[in-house]
Amino acid sequence: MYAIVNDRGHQYKVREGEVVRVDLLPLEKGAKVTFEEVLLVGHDGAVKVGSPRVAGAKVTGVLEDNVKGEKTISRRRIWTNKHVVRHGHRIKYSMVKIQKIEG
């Protein structure tokens, strides 16, 4: 069984028992997470497609950890004085273990 959920503008394909990396959630480790906006549910070849959401479907999971992604570095050269400007950042993610798909 799998589902496609929409979480704050991002769509994720999830399966039961899978760990999914989503954008940072303002919750603590071990908190329950519920995705109410389910766009598609597939089970044994049968697919339910929502318009825009599947009625009565939801995905529940547990927040396992909040982690940082890989460091991203960008460089820009200013040609007038041969100066290089360097910027870097790391995006924070939440690891959610999917427990149950209903729908």
N, C-alpha and C. Protein backbone atom coordinates (compact mmCIF):
# COMPACT_ATOMS: atom_id res chain seq x y z
N MET A 1 0.85 -1.18 0.00
CA MET A 1 0.00 0.00 0.00
C MET A 1 0.90 1.24 0.00
N TYR A 2 0.55 2.20 -0.82
CA TYR A 2 1.31 3.45 -0.89
C TYR A 2 0.34 4.60 -1.04
N ALA A 3 0.87 5.80 -0.80
CA ALA A 3 0.05 7.00 -0.92
C ALA A 3 0.94 8.16 -1.34
N ILE A 4 0.31 9.17 -1.92
CA ILE A 4 0.99 10.43 -2.22
C ILE A 4 0.33 11.49 -1.36
N VAL A 5 1.15 12.14 -0.51
CA VAL A 5 0.62 13.15 0.40
C VAL A 5 1.20 14.51 0.05
N ASN A 6 0.45 15.53 0.38
CA ASN A 6 0.89 16.91 0.18
C ASN A 6 1.15 17.51 1.56
N ASP A 7 2.38 17.97 1.78
CA ASP A 7 2.74 18.58 3.06
C ASP A 7 3.35 19.94 2.79
N ARG A 8 2.59 20.98 3.06
CA ARG A 8 3.05 22.37 2.93
C ARG A 8 3.66 22.65 1.55
N GLY A 9 2.96 22.19 0.51
CA GLY A 9 3.38 22.50 -0.85
C GLY A 9 4.32 21.49 -1.48
N HIS A 10 4.74 20.46 -0.75
CA HIS A 10 5.61 19.42 -1.30
C HIS A 10 4.86 18.09 -1.29
N GLN A 11 5.03 17.31 -2.36
CA GLN A 11 4.36 16.03 -2.47
C GLN A 11 5.37 14.91 -2.23
N TYR A 12 4.95 13.91 -1.44
CA TYR A 12 5.82 12.79 -1.09
C TYR A 12 5.08 11.49 -1.35
N LYS A 13 5.79 10.50 -1.93
CA LYS A 13 5.25 9.16 -2.09
C LYS A 13 5.71 8.36 -0.87
N VAL A 14 4.76 7.81 -0.12
CA VAL A 14 5.08 7.13 1.12
C VAL A 14 4.51 5.71 1.11
N ARG A 15 5.17 4.82 1.84
CA ARG A 15 4.73 3.45 2.05
C ARG A 15 4.76 3.16 3.54
N GLU A 16 3.98 2.19 3.98
CA GLU A 16 3.96 1.82 5.39
C GLU A 16 5.32 1.24 5.79
N GLY A 17 5.85 1.69 6.94
CA GLY A 17 7.13 1.21 7.43
C GLY A 17 8.33 1.96 6.87
N GLU A 18 8.12 2.85 5.93
CA GLU A 18 9.20 3.61 5.30
C GLU A 18 9.51 4.88 6.09
N VAL A 19 10.77 5.31 6.05
CA VAL A 19 11.17 6.56 6.69
C VAL A 19 11.28 7.62 5.59
N VAL A 20 10.56 8.73 5.77
CA VAL A 20 10.49 9.78 4.76
C VAL A 20 11.13 11.04 5.32
N ARG A 21 11.90 11.73 4.48
CA ARG A 21 12.53 13.00 4.88
C ARG A 21 11.67 14.14 4.37
N VAL A 22 11.05 14.88 5.31
CA VAL A 22 10.19 16.02 4.96
C VAL A 22 10.82 17.29 5.50
N ASP A 23 10.31 18.43 5.08
CA ASP A 23 10.80 19.70 5.62
C ASP A 23 10.60 19.74 7.13
N LEU A 24 11.39 20.54 7.80
CA LEU A 24 11.42 20.58 9.27
C LEU A 24 10.04 20.83 9.86
N LEU A 25 9.65 19.96 10.78
CA LEU A 25 8.39 20.08 11.50
C LEU A 25 8.67 20.64 12.89
N PRO A 26 7.83 21.54 13.39
CA PRO A 26 8.07 22.13 14.72
C PRO A 26 7.60 21.21 15.84
N LEU A 27 8.06 19.97 15.84
CA LEU A 27 7.68 18.98 16.84
C LEU A 27 8.92 18.35 17.44
N GLU A 28 8.73 17.67 18.56
CA GLU A 28 9.85 16.99 19.20
C GLU A 28 9.89 15.53 18.79
N LYS A 29 11.03 14.90 19.04
CA LYS A 29 11.24 13.50 18.69
C LYS A 29 10.20 12.63 19.39
N GLY A 30 9.60 11.70 18.63
CA GLY A 30 8.60 10.80 19.18
C GLY A 30 7.17 11.29 19.03
N ALA A 31 6.97 12.50 18.50
CA ALA A 31 5.63 13.06 18.35
C ALA A 31 4.91 12.39 17.17
N LYS A 32 3.59 12.30 17.26
CA LYS A 32 2.79 11.73 16.17
C LYS A 32 2.58 12.79 15.09
N VAL A 33 2.67 12.36 13.85
CA VAL A 33 2.49 13.23 12.70
C VAL A 33 1.35 12.66 11.86
N THR A 34 0.41 13.52 11.47
CA THR A 34 -0.71 13.10 10.63
C THR A 34 -0.75 13.97 9.38
N PHE A 35 -0.77 13.31 8.23
CA PHE A 35 -0.91 14.00 6.96
C PHE A 35 -2.35 13.83 6.51
N GLU A 36 -3.12 14.89 6.57
CA GLU A 36 -4.55 14.84 6.21
C GLU A 36 -4.78 15.00 4.71
N GLU A 37 -3.87 15.65 4.03
CA GLU A 37 -4.05 15.95 2.61
C GLU A 37 -3.43 14.83 1.77
N VAL A 38 -4.21 13.78 1.52
CA VAL A 38 -3.78 12.62 0.74
C VAL A 38 -4.34 12.77 -0.67
N LEU A 39 -3.45 12.77 -1.65
CA LEU A 39 -3.86 12.99 -3.03
C LEU A 39 -4.17 11.69 -3.78
N LEU A 40 -3.51 10.58 -3.38
CA LEU A 40 -3.68 9.31 -4.08
C LEU A 40 -3.38 8.18 -3.12
N VAL A 41 -4.16 7.11 -3.22
CA VAL A 41 -3.92 5.90 -2.42
C VAL A 41 -3.95 4.71 -3.37
N GLY A 42 -2.89 3.88 -3.30
CA GLY A 42 -2.82 2.69 -4.13
C GLY A 42 -2.69 1.44 -3.28
N HIS A 43 -3.48 0.39 -3.63
CA HIS A 43 -3.45 -0.85 -2.85
C HIS A 43 -3.83 -2.01 -3.76
N ASP A 44 -2.91 -2.97 -3.95
CA ASP A 44 -3.13 -4.17 -4.76
C ASP A 44 -3.66 -3.86 -6.17
N GLY A 45 -3.06 -2.92 -6.83
CA GLY A 45 -3.46 -2.59 -8.19
C GLY A 45 -4.63 -1.63 -8.30
N ALA A 46 -5.37 -1.43 -7.23
CA ALA A 46 -6.48 -0.47 -7.24
C ALA A 46 -5.97 0.88 -6.77
N VAL A 47 -6.34 1.92 -7.49
CA VAL A 47 -5.85 3.26 -7.18
C VAL A 47 -7.04 4.19 -6.96
N LYS A 48 -7.02 4.91 -5.84
CA LYS A 48 -8.03 5.95 -5.57
C LYS A 48 -7.35 7.29 -5.76
N VAL A 49 -7.89 8.07 -6.68
CA VAL A 49 -7.34 9.40 -6.96
C VAL A 49 -8.32 10.44 -6.45
N GLY A 50 -7.82 11.39 -5.69
CA GLY A 50 -8.67 12.43 -5.14
C GLY A 50 -8.90 13.56 -6.11
N SER A 51 -9.89 14.35 -5.81
CA SER A 51 -10.19 15.50 -6.65
C SER A 51 -10.52 16.69 -5.76
N PRO A 52 -9.60 17.38 -5.14
CA PRO A 52 -8.15 17.19 -5.16
C PRO A 52 -7.64 16.21 -4.11
N ARG A 53 -8.46 15.84 -3.09
CA ARG A 53 -8.01 14.92 -2.04
C ARG A 53 -8.92 13.71 -1.98
N VAL A 54 -8.35 12.60 -1.48
CA VAL A 54 -9.14 11.38 -1.28
C VAL A 54 -9.94 11.56 0.01
N ALA A 55 -11.25 11.41 -0.08
CA ALA A 55 -12.12 11.62 1.08
C ALA A 55 -11.88 10.54 2.13
N GLY A 56 -11.67 10.97 3.38
CA GLY A 56 -11.50 10.05 4.50
C GLY A 56 -10.14 9.40 4.61
N ALA A 57 -9.21 9.75 3.76
CA ALA A 57 -7.87 9.14 3.81
C ALA A 57 -6.93 9.99 4.65
N LYS A 58 -6.05 9.30 5.39
CA LYS A 58 -5.02 10.00 6.13
C LYS A 58 -3.84 9.07 6.35
N VAL A 59 -2.68 9.67 6.55
CA VAL A 59 -1.44 8.93 6.77
C VAL A 59 -0.90 9.36 8.12
N THR A 60 -0.56 8.39 8.97
CA THR A 60 -0.02 8.70 10.28
C THR A 60 1.39 8.15 10.39
N GLY A 61 2.19 8.83 11.20
CA GLY A 61 3.57 8.42 11.40
C GLY A 61 4.12 8.99 12.70
N VAL A 62 5.39 8.69 12.96
CA VAL A 62 6.07 9.15 14.17
C VAL A 62 7.33 9.88 13.75
N LEU A 63 7.56 11.04 14.37
CA LEU A 63 8.77 11.82 14.10
C LEU A 63 9.96 11.13 14.76
N GLU A 64 10.91 10.67 13.95
CA GLU A 64 12.06 9.97 14.49
C GLU A 64 13.18 10.92 14.89
N ASP A 65 13.47 11.91 14.05
CA ASP A 65 14.58 12.80 14.35
C ASP A 65 14.53 14.03 13.45
N ASN A 66 15.15 15.10 13.91
CA ASN A 66 15.36 16.29 13.09
C ASN A 66 16.84 16.33 12.72
N VAL A 67 17.13 16.40 11.43
CA VAL A 67 18.51 16.32 10.94
C VAL A 67 18.79 17.48 9.99
N LYS A 68 20.09 17.69 9.74
CA LYS A 68 20.52 18.68 8.75
C LYS A 68 20.91 17.97 7.47
N GLY A 69 20.63 18.61 6.36
CA GLY A 69 21.02 18.06 5.07
C GLY A 69 22.48 18.38 4.76
N GLU A 70 22.89 18.07 3.54
CA GLU A 70 24.26 18.34 3.14
C GLU A 70 24.47 19.84 2.97
N LYS A 71 25.71 20.24 3.16
CA LYS A 71 26.05 21.65 3.00
C LYS A 71 26.08 22.00 1.51
N THR A 72 25.45 23.10 1.16
CA THR A 72 25.42 23.59 -0.21
C THR A 72 26.22 24.89 -0.26
N ILE A 73 27.17 24.96 -1.18
CA ILE A 73 28.02 26.15 -1.30
C ILE A 73 27.85 26.74 -2.69
N SER A 74 27.65 28.05 -2.74
CA SER A 74 27.57 28.74 -4.02
C SER A 74 28.61 29.85 -4.04
N ARG A 75 29.16 30.11 -5.21
CA ARG A 75 30.18 31.15 -5.35
C ARG A 75 29.76 32.12 -6.45
N ARG A 76 30.12 33.37 -6.24
CA ARG A 76 29.84 34.39 -7.25
C ARG A 76 31.08 35.27 -7.33
N ARG A 77 31.56 35.49 -8.52
CA ARG A 77 32.75 36.30 -8.69
C ARG A 77 32.37 37.70 -9.12
N ILE A 78 32.94 38.67 -8.44
CA ILE A 78 32.73 40.07 -8.80
C ILE A 78 33.92 40.46 -9.68
N TRP A 79 33.66 40.73 -10.94
CA TRP A 79 34.74 40.90 -11.92
C TRP A 79 35.47 42.22 -11.80
N THR A 80 34.87 43.23 -11.21
CA THR A 80 35.54 44.52 -11.17
C THR A 80 36.77 44.51 -10.29
N ASN A 81 36.74 43.74 -9.20
CA ASN A 81 37.91 43.72 -8.33
C ASN A 81 38.42 42.29 -8.09
N LYS A 82 37.99 41.35 -8.91
CA LYS A 82 38.43 39.96 -8.83
C LYS A 82 38.21 39.36 -7.43
N HIS A 83 37.05 39.65 -6.87
CA HIS A 83 36.69 39.19 -5.54
C HIS A 83 35.67 38.06 -5.67
N VAL A 84 35.80 37.02 -4.85
CA VAL A 84 34.87 35.89 -4.88
C VAL A 84 34.03 35.91 -3.61
N VAL A 85 32.71 35.91 -3.79
CA VAL A 85 31.79 35.87 -2.67
C VAL A 85 31.29 34.43 -2.54
N ARG A 86 31.36 33.89 -1.34
CA ARG A 86 30.97 32.50 -1.10
C ARG A 86 29.84 32.46 -0.08
N HIS A 87 28.77 31.73 -0.42
CA HIS A 87 27.63 31.56 0.47
C HIS A 87 27.38 30.07 0.68
N GLY A 88 26.97 29.70 1.87
CA GLY A 88 26.67 28.30 2.15
C GLY A 88 25.48 28.19 3.09
N HIS A 89 24.77 27.08 2.98
CA HIS A 89 23.66 26.85 3.90
C HIS A 89 23.37 25.35 3.97
N ARG A 90 22.66 24.95 5.03
CA ARG A 90 22.22 23.57 5.21
C ARG A 90 20.74 23.59 5.53
N ILE A 91 19.97 22.81 4.80
CA ILE A 91 18.53 22.75 5.03
C ILE A 91 18.26 21.72 6.13
N LYS A 92 17.33 22.04 7.02
CA LYS A 92 16.97 21.13 8.11
C LYS A 92 15.75 20.30 7.70
N TYR A 93 15.79 19.01 8.04
CA TYR A 93 14.74 18.08 7.68
C TYR A 93 14.23 17.34 8.92
N SER A 94 13.06 16.74 8.80
CA SER A 94 12.52 15.85 9.81
C SER A 94 12.37 14.48 9.18
N MET A 95 12.78 13.46 9.93
CA MET A 95 12.65 12.07 9.48
C MET A 95 11.39 11.49 10.10
N VAL A 96 10.42 11.12 9.27
CA VAL A 96 9.13 10.61 9.75
C VAL A 96 8.99 9.16 9.31
N LYS A 97 8.72 8.27 10.28
CA LYS A 97 8.47 6.86 9.95
C LYS A 97 6.96 6.68 9.80
N ILE A 98 6.55 6.22 8.62
CA ILE A 98 5.13 6.05 8.30
C ILE A 98 4.64 4.76 8.96
N GLN A 99 3.57 4.88 9.76
CA GLN A 99 3.02 3.73 10.45
C GLN A 99 1.78 3.16 9.78
N LYS A 100 0.88 4.03 9.36
CA LYS A 100 -0.40 3.54 8.84
C LYS A 100 -0.94 4.44 7.74
N ILE A 101 -1.46 3.81 6.70
CA ILE A 101 -2.14 4.53 5.63
C ILE A 101 -3.60 4.09 5.66
N GLU A 102 -4.49 5.04 5.87
CA GLU A 102 -5.93 4.75 5.91
C GLU A 102 -6.60 5.36 4.69
N GLY A 103 -7.48 4.62 4.10
CA GLY A 103 -8.20 5.19 2.98
C GLY A 103 -8.44 4.17 1.97
